[in-house]
Each structure stands twice: as structure tokens, then as C-alpha cells.
Amino acid sequence: MVEPENYWHQHPLLLLLNEEQLIDNQSGVADCSKCGEMVSTPCFSCAEKCGFYLHKICADAPLKLNDPFHRDHPLDLMHHSLLIKNPAY
């Protein structure tokens, strides 16, 4: 079991490296819990099978970015559900 350093989840996560592991682990099409896109391998999956999936690239993404067009402050990476619940962002 591997826990990505920058994304908290209450259960241990499994690293799935191929589509066969992903098919065996899910009961249908799953979406990444960080970006909301359909999940594909490599990805992380909840060992407790609670429906939490995370692309490996999303787990490795920085939580803050410094952008030359936003010099006054860094940009914070937000969970897609925050944008749906609060469209003012």
C-alpha cells in the first residue's frame, strides 16, 4: 500500500498499475476524486473499496503553483467538488 504525500484519505490506498487491476477493483466507471475525470491507470484506489480513486498524476501534482501571470500570490489547487458547491470560485 502506498499513500500519496499530498492527498489525504482516511483509508490506505493501493497503487494500480494496469487496466486489469483497475477493472478487478471497481464496479463500473470511476472518476478521480481530485480532478473529476474518468480514472485510468496508473492510479490509486482505496483499499477499503469506498469508491475513492486518484490518478497518479493528480496525486503527484503540487498543491500550490507560482504563475508569472499571478505574481502577487500562488495559485491553490482545489478539489473539483468545492467548485461545484461554490461557483463563486
N, C-alpha and C. Protein backbone atom coordinates (compact mmCIF):
# COMPACT_ATOMS: atom_id res chain seq x y z
N MET A 1 0.83 -1.19 0.00
CA MET A 1 0.00 0.00 0.00
C MET A 1 0.88 1.25 0.00
N VAL A 2 0.47 2.21 -0.76
CA VAL A 2 1.22 3.44 -0.91
C VAL A 2 0.29 4.61 -0.65
N GLU A 3 0.73 5.58 0.13
CA GLU A 3 -0.07 6.78 0.39
C GLU A 3 0.57 7.96 -0.31
N PRO A 4 -0.12 8.59 -1.26
CA PRO A 4 0.45 9.79 -1.87
C PRO A 4 0.65 10.86 -0.81
N GLU A 5 1.74 11.58 -0.91
CA GLU A 5 2.12 12.54 0.12
C GLU A 5 1.20 13.74 0.19
N ASN A 6 0.59 14.13 -0.92
CA ASN A 6 -0.13 15.40 -0.91
C ASN A 6 -1.65 15.26 -0.99
N TYR A 7 -2.19 14.08 -0.74
CA TYR A 7 -3.64 13.95 -0.80
C TYR A 7 -4.09 13.02 0.30
N TRP A 8 -4.81 13.57 1.25
CA TRP A 8 -5.25 12.80 2.41
C TRP A 8 -6.50 11.99 2.10
N HIS A 9 -6.54 10.78 2.60
CA HIS A 9 -7.73 9.93 2.54
C HIS A 9 -7.73 9.08 3.80
N GLN A 10 -8.91 8.80 4.34
CA GLN A 10 -8.99 8.12 5.63
C GLN A 10 -8.62 6.64 5.59
N HIS A 11 -8.58 6.03 4.40
CA HIS A 11 -8.21 4.62 4.27
C HIS A 11 -6.89 4.49 3.53
N PRO A 12 -6.21 3.35 3.67
CA PRO A 12 -4.99 3.10 2.88
C PRO A 12 -5.32 3.05 1.39
N LEU A 13 -4.35 3.42 0.57
CA LEU A 13 -4.53 3.44 -0.88
C LEU A 13 -3.65 2.38 -1.54
N LEU A 14 -4.17 1.80 -2.61
CA LEU A 14 -3.42 0.83 -3.42
C LEU A 14 -3.04 1.49 -4.73
N LEU A 15 -1.82 1.25 -5.19
CA LEU A 15 -1.38 1.73 -6.49
C LEU A 15 -1.74 0.68 -7.54
N LEU A 16 -2.59 1.05 -8.48
CA LEU A 16 -2.99 0.16 -9.57
C LEU A 16 -2.19 0.55 -10.81
N LEU A 17 -1.48 -0.41 -11.38
CA LEU A 17 -0.56 -0.10 -12.48
C LEU A 17 -1.08 -0.49 -13.85
N ASN A 18 -2.10 -1.34 -13.92
CA ASN A 18 -2.61 -1.72 -15.23
C ASN A 18 -4.13 -1.78 -15.22
N GLU A 19 -4.73 -1.74 -16.40
CA GLU A 19 -6.19 -1.69 -16.54
C GLU A 19 -6.86 -2.92 -15.95
N GLU A 20 -6.20 -4.08 -16.00
CA GLU A 20 -6.79 -5.30 -15.43
C GLU A 20 -7.00 -5.14 -13.93
N GLN A 21 -6.02 -4.57 -13.23
CA GLN A 21 -6.18 -4.32 -11.79
C GLN A 21 -7.33 -3.34 -11.55
N LEU A 22 -7.44 -2.34 -12.38
CA LEU A 22 -8.50 -1.34 -12.24
C LEU A 22 -9.87 -1.97 -12.44
N ILE A 23 -10.01 -2.80 -13.46
CA ILE A 23 -11.28 -3.47 -13.75
C ILE A 23 -11.66 -4.39 -12.59
N ASP A 24 -10.68 -5.12 -12.05
CA ASP A 24 -10.95 -6.03 -10.93
C ASP A 24 -11.36 -5.27 -9.67
N ASN A 25 -10.91 -4.03 -9.53
CA ASN A 25 -11.10 -3.27 -8.30
C ASN A 25 -12.36 -2.40 -8.30
N GLN A 26 -12.92 -2.09 -9.45
CA GLN A 26 -14.07 -1.18 -9.49
C GLN A 26 -15.32 -1.89 -10.00
N SER A 27 -16.46 -1.32 -9.66
CA SER A 27 -17.73 -1.94 -10.06
C SER A 27 -18.34 -1.21 -11.27
N GLY A 28 -17.57 -0.44 -11.97
CA GLY A 28 -18.04 0.32 -13.12
C GLY A 28 -17.06 1.43 -13.42
N VAL A 29 -17.50 2.44 -14.12
CA VAL A 29 -16.65 3.57 -14.44
C VAL A 29 -16.45 4.40 -13.18
N ALA A 30 -15.20 4.76 -12.91
CA ALA A 30 -14.89 5.54 -11.71
C ALA A 30 -14.26 6.86 -12.12
N ASP A 31 -14.49 7.88 -11.31
CA ASP A 31 -13.91 9.20 -11.54
C ASP A 31 -12.85 9.48 -10.48
N CYS A 32 -11.84 10.23 -10.88
CA CYS A 32 -10.79 10.66 -9.97
C CYS A 32 -11.40 11.59 -8.92
N SER A 33 -11.09 11.35 -7.67
CA SER A 33 -11.65 12.15 -6.59
C SER A 33 -11.01 13.54 -6.50
N LYS A 34 -9.96 13.78 -7.26
CA LYS A 34 -9.33 15.09 -7.25
C LYS A 34 -9.73 15.94 -8.45
N CYS A 35 -9.64 15.39 -9.66
CA CYS A 35 -9.92 16.18 -10.86
C CYS A 35 -11.31 15.94 -11.43
N GLY A 36 -11.95 14.83 -11.06
CA GLY A 36 -13.29 14.53 -11.54
C GLY A 36 -13.35 13.83 -12.88
N GLU A 37 -12.21 13.61 -13.52
CA GLU A 37 -12.17 12.93 -14.83
C GLU A 37 -12.19 11.41 -14.62
N MET A 38 -12.60 10.69 -15.68
CA MET A 38 -12.61 9.23 -15.60
C MET A 38 -11.21 8.72 -15.28
N VAL A 39 -11.15 7.79 -14.36
CA VAL A 39 -9.86 7.30 -13.89
C VAL A 39 -9.29 6.27 -14.86
N SER A 40 -7.98 6.28 -14.99
CA SER A 40 -7.26 5.29 -15.78
C SER A 40 -5.94 5.01 -15.06
N THR A 41 -5.29 3.96 -15.43
CA THR A 41 -4.04 3.61 -14.75
C THR A 41 -2.87 4.40 -15.35
N PRO A 42 -1.85 4.65 -14.56
CA PRO A 42 -1.70 4.29 -13.15
C PRO A 42 -2.55 5.20 -12.27
N CYS A 43 -3.09 4.62 -11.19
CA CYS A 43 -3.92 5.39 -10.27
C CYS A 43 -3.88 4.74 -8.89
N PHE A 44 -4.39 5.47 -7.94
CA PHE A 44 -4.56 4.94 -6.59
C PHE A 44 -6.02 4.61 -6.38
N SER A 45 -6.28 3.57 -5.60
CA SER A 45 -7.64 3.16 -5.26
C SER A 45 -7.69 2.88 -3.76
N CYS A 46 -8.81 3.15 -3.17
CA CYS A 46 -8.99 2.89 -1.74
C CYS A 46 -8.94 1.38 -1.49
N ALA A 47 -8.13 0.97 -0.52
CA ALA A 47 -8.03 -0.44 -0.17
C ALA A 47 -9.32 -0.97 0.44
N GLU A 48 -10.14 -0.08 0.99
CA GLU A 48 -11.42 -0.45 1.60
C GLU A 48 -12.55 -0.44 0.58
N LYS A 49 -12.23 -0.12 -0.68
CA LYS A 49 -13.21 -0.08 -1.79
C LYS A 49 -14.38 0.85 -1.49
N CYS A 50 -14.06 2.06 -0.98
CA CYS A 50 -15.11 3.03 -0.66
C CYS A 50 -15.45 3.92 -1.85
N GLY A 51 -14.79 3.70 -3.00
CA GLY A 51 -15.08 4.49 -4.18
C GLY A 51 -14.12 5.65 -4.41
N PHE A 52 -13.07 5.75 -3.61
CA PHE A 52 -12.07 6.81 -3.77
C PHE A 52 -11.03 6.35 -4.77
N TYR A 53 -10.85 7.15 -5.84
CA TYR A 53 -9.83 6.89 -6.85
C TYR A 53 -9.06 8.17 -7.09
N LEU A 54 -7.81 8.03 -7.46
CA LEU A 54 -6.95 9.19 -7.66
C LEU A 54 -5.93 8.87 -8.74
N HIS A 55 -5.94 9.65 -9.85
CA HIS A 55 -4.89 9.46 -10.86
C HIS A 55 -3.54 9.65 -10.20
N LYS A 56 -2.55 8.91 -10.61
CA LYS A 56 -1.20 9.10 -10.06
C LYS A 56 -0.71 10.51 -10.36
N ILE A 57 -1.01 11.01 -11.55
CA ILE A 57 -0.57 12.36 -11.91
C ILE A 57 -1.25 13.42 -11.02
N CYS A 58 -2.49 13.17 -10.61
CA CYS A 58 -3.18 14.10 -9.70
C CYS A 58 -2.57 14.03 -8.30
N ALA A 59 -2.19 12.83 -7.88
CA ALA A 59 -1.55 12.69 -6.57
C ALA A 59 -0.19 13.37 -6.54
N ASP A 60 0.49 13.36 -7.68
CA ASP A 60 1.83 13.97 -7.76
C ASP A 60 1.79 15.47 -8.02
N ALA A 61 0.62 16.00 -8.36
CA ALA A 61 0.51 17.43 -8.70
C ALA A 61 0.77 18.29 -7.46
N PRO A 62 1.45 19.41 -7.63
CA PRO A 62 1.67 20.30 -6.49
C PRO A 62 0.36 20.92 -6.04
N LEU A 63 0.26 21.24 -4.76
CA LEU A 63 -0.95 21.86 -4.23
C LEU A 63 -0.95 23.36 -4.44
N LYS A 64 0.22 23.95 -4.72
CA LYS A 64 0.34 25.38 -4.99
C LYS A 64 1.24 25.56 -6.21
N LEU A 65 0.90 26.54 -7.04
CA LEU A 65 1.70 26.87 -8.21
C LEU A 65 2.02 28.36 -8.20
N ASN A 66 3.23 28.68 -8.58
CA ASN A 66 3.59 30.07 -8.81
C ASN A 66 3.53 30.31 -10.31
N ASP A 67 2.70 31.27 -10.71
CA ASP A 67 2.47 31.54 -12.11
C ASP A 67 2.92 32.97 -12.42
N PRO A 68 3.62 33.19 -13.54
CA PRO A 68 4.09 34.54 -13.86
C PRO A 68 2.95 35.55 -14.05
N PHE A 69 1.74 35.08 -14.34
CA PHE A 69 0.61 35.99 -14.52
C PHE A 69 -0.11 36.29 -13.20
N HIS A 70 0.28 35.60 -12.15
CA HIS A 70 -0.28 35.81 -10.81
C HIS A 70 0.86 36.00 -9.83
N ARG A 71 1.64 37.03 -10.02
CA ARG A 71 2.84 37.25 -9.21
C ARG A 71 2.54 37.61 -7.76
N ASP A 72 1.35 38.14 -7.48
CA ASP A 72 1.02 38.58 -6.14
C ASP A 72 0.78 37.43 -5.16
N HIS A 73 0.43 36.27 -5.69
CA HIS A 73 0.10 35.15 -4.81
C HIS A 73 0.20 33.85 -5.60
N PRO A 74 0.43 32.73 -4.88
CA PRO A 74 0.42 31.43 -5.57
C PRO A 74 -1.02 31.00 -5.86
N LEU A 75 -1.17 30.12 -6.80
CA LEU A 75 -2.47 29.54 -7.12
C LEU A 75 -2.62 28.24 -6.33
N ASP A 76 -3.75 28.08 -5.66
CA ASP A 76 -4.03 26.88 -4.87
C ASP A 76 -4.83 25.90 -5.71
N LEU A 77 -4.40 24.65 -5.72
CA LEU A 77 -5.14 23.60 -6.39
C LEU A 77 -6.33 23.23 -5.50
N MET A 78 -7.54 23.26 -6.08
CA MET A 78 -8.75 22.99 -5.30
C MET A 78 -9.42 21.72 -5.79
N HIS A 79 -10.07 21.05 -4.89
CA HIS A 79 -10.85 19.86 -5.22
C HIS A 79 -12.04 20.29 -6.08
N HIS A 80 -12.36 19.54 -7.12
CA HIS A 80 -13.43 19.94 -8.04
C HIS A 80 -14.78 20.09 -7.35
N SER A 81 -15.04 19.36 -6.27
CA SER A 81 -16.34 19.47 -5.59
C SER A 81 -16.51 20.84 -4.93
N LEU A 82 -15.42 21.49 -4.55
CA LEU A 82 -15.52 22.84 -3.99
C LEU A 82 -16.01 23.82 -5.05
N LEU A 83 -15.61 23.62 -6.28
CA LEU A 83 -16.06 24.49 -7.36
C LEU A 83 -17.53 24.28 -7.68
N ILE A 84 -17.98 23.05 -7.58
CA ILE A 84 -19.38 22.74 -7.86
C ILE A 84 -20.27 23.33 -6.76
N LYS A 85 -19.83 23.18 -5.50
CA LYS A 85 -20.62 23.66 -4.37
C LYS A 85 -20.59 25.18 -4.25
N ASN A 86 -19.50 25.80 -4.70
CA ASN A 86 -19.36 27.25 -4.56
C ASN A 86 -18.85 27.82 -5.87
N PRO A 87 -19.73 28.05 -6.84
CA PRO A 87 -19.29 28.51 -8.17
C PRO A 87 -18.66 29.90 -8.16
N ALA A 88 -18.68 30.61 -7.03
CA ALA A 88 -18.05 31.94 -6.95
C ALA A 88 -16.54 31.85 -7.10
N TYR A 89 -15.97 30.66 -6.88
CA TYR A 89 -14.53 30.50 -7.04
C TYR A 89 -14.21 30.62 -8.51
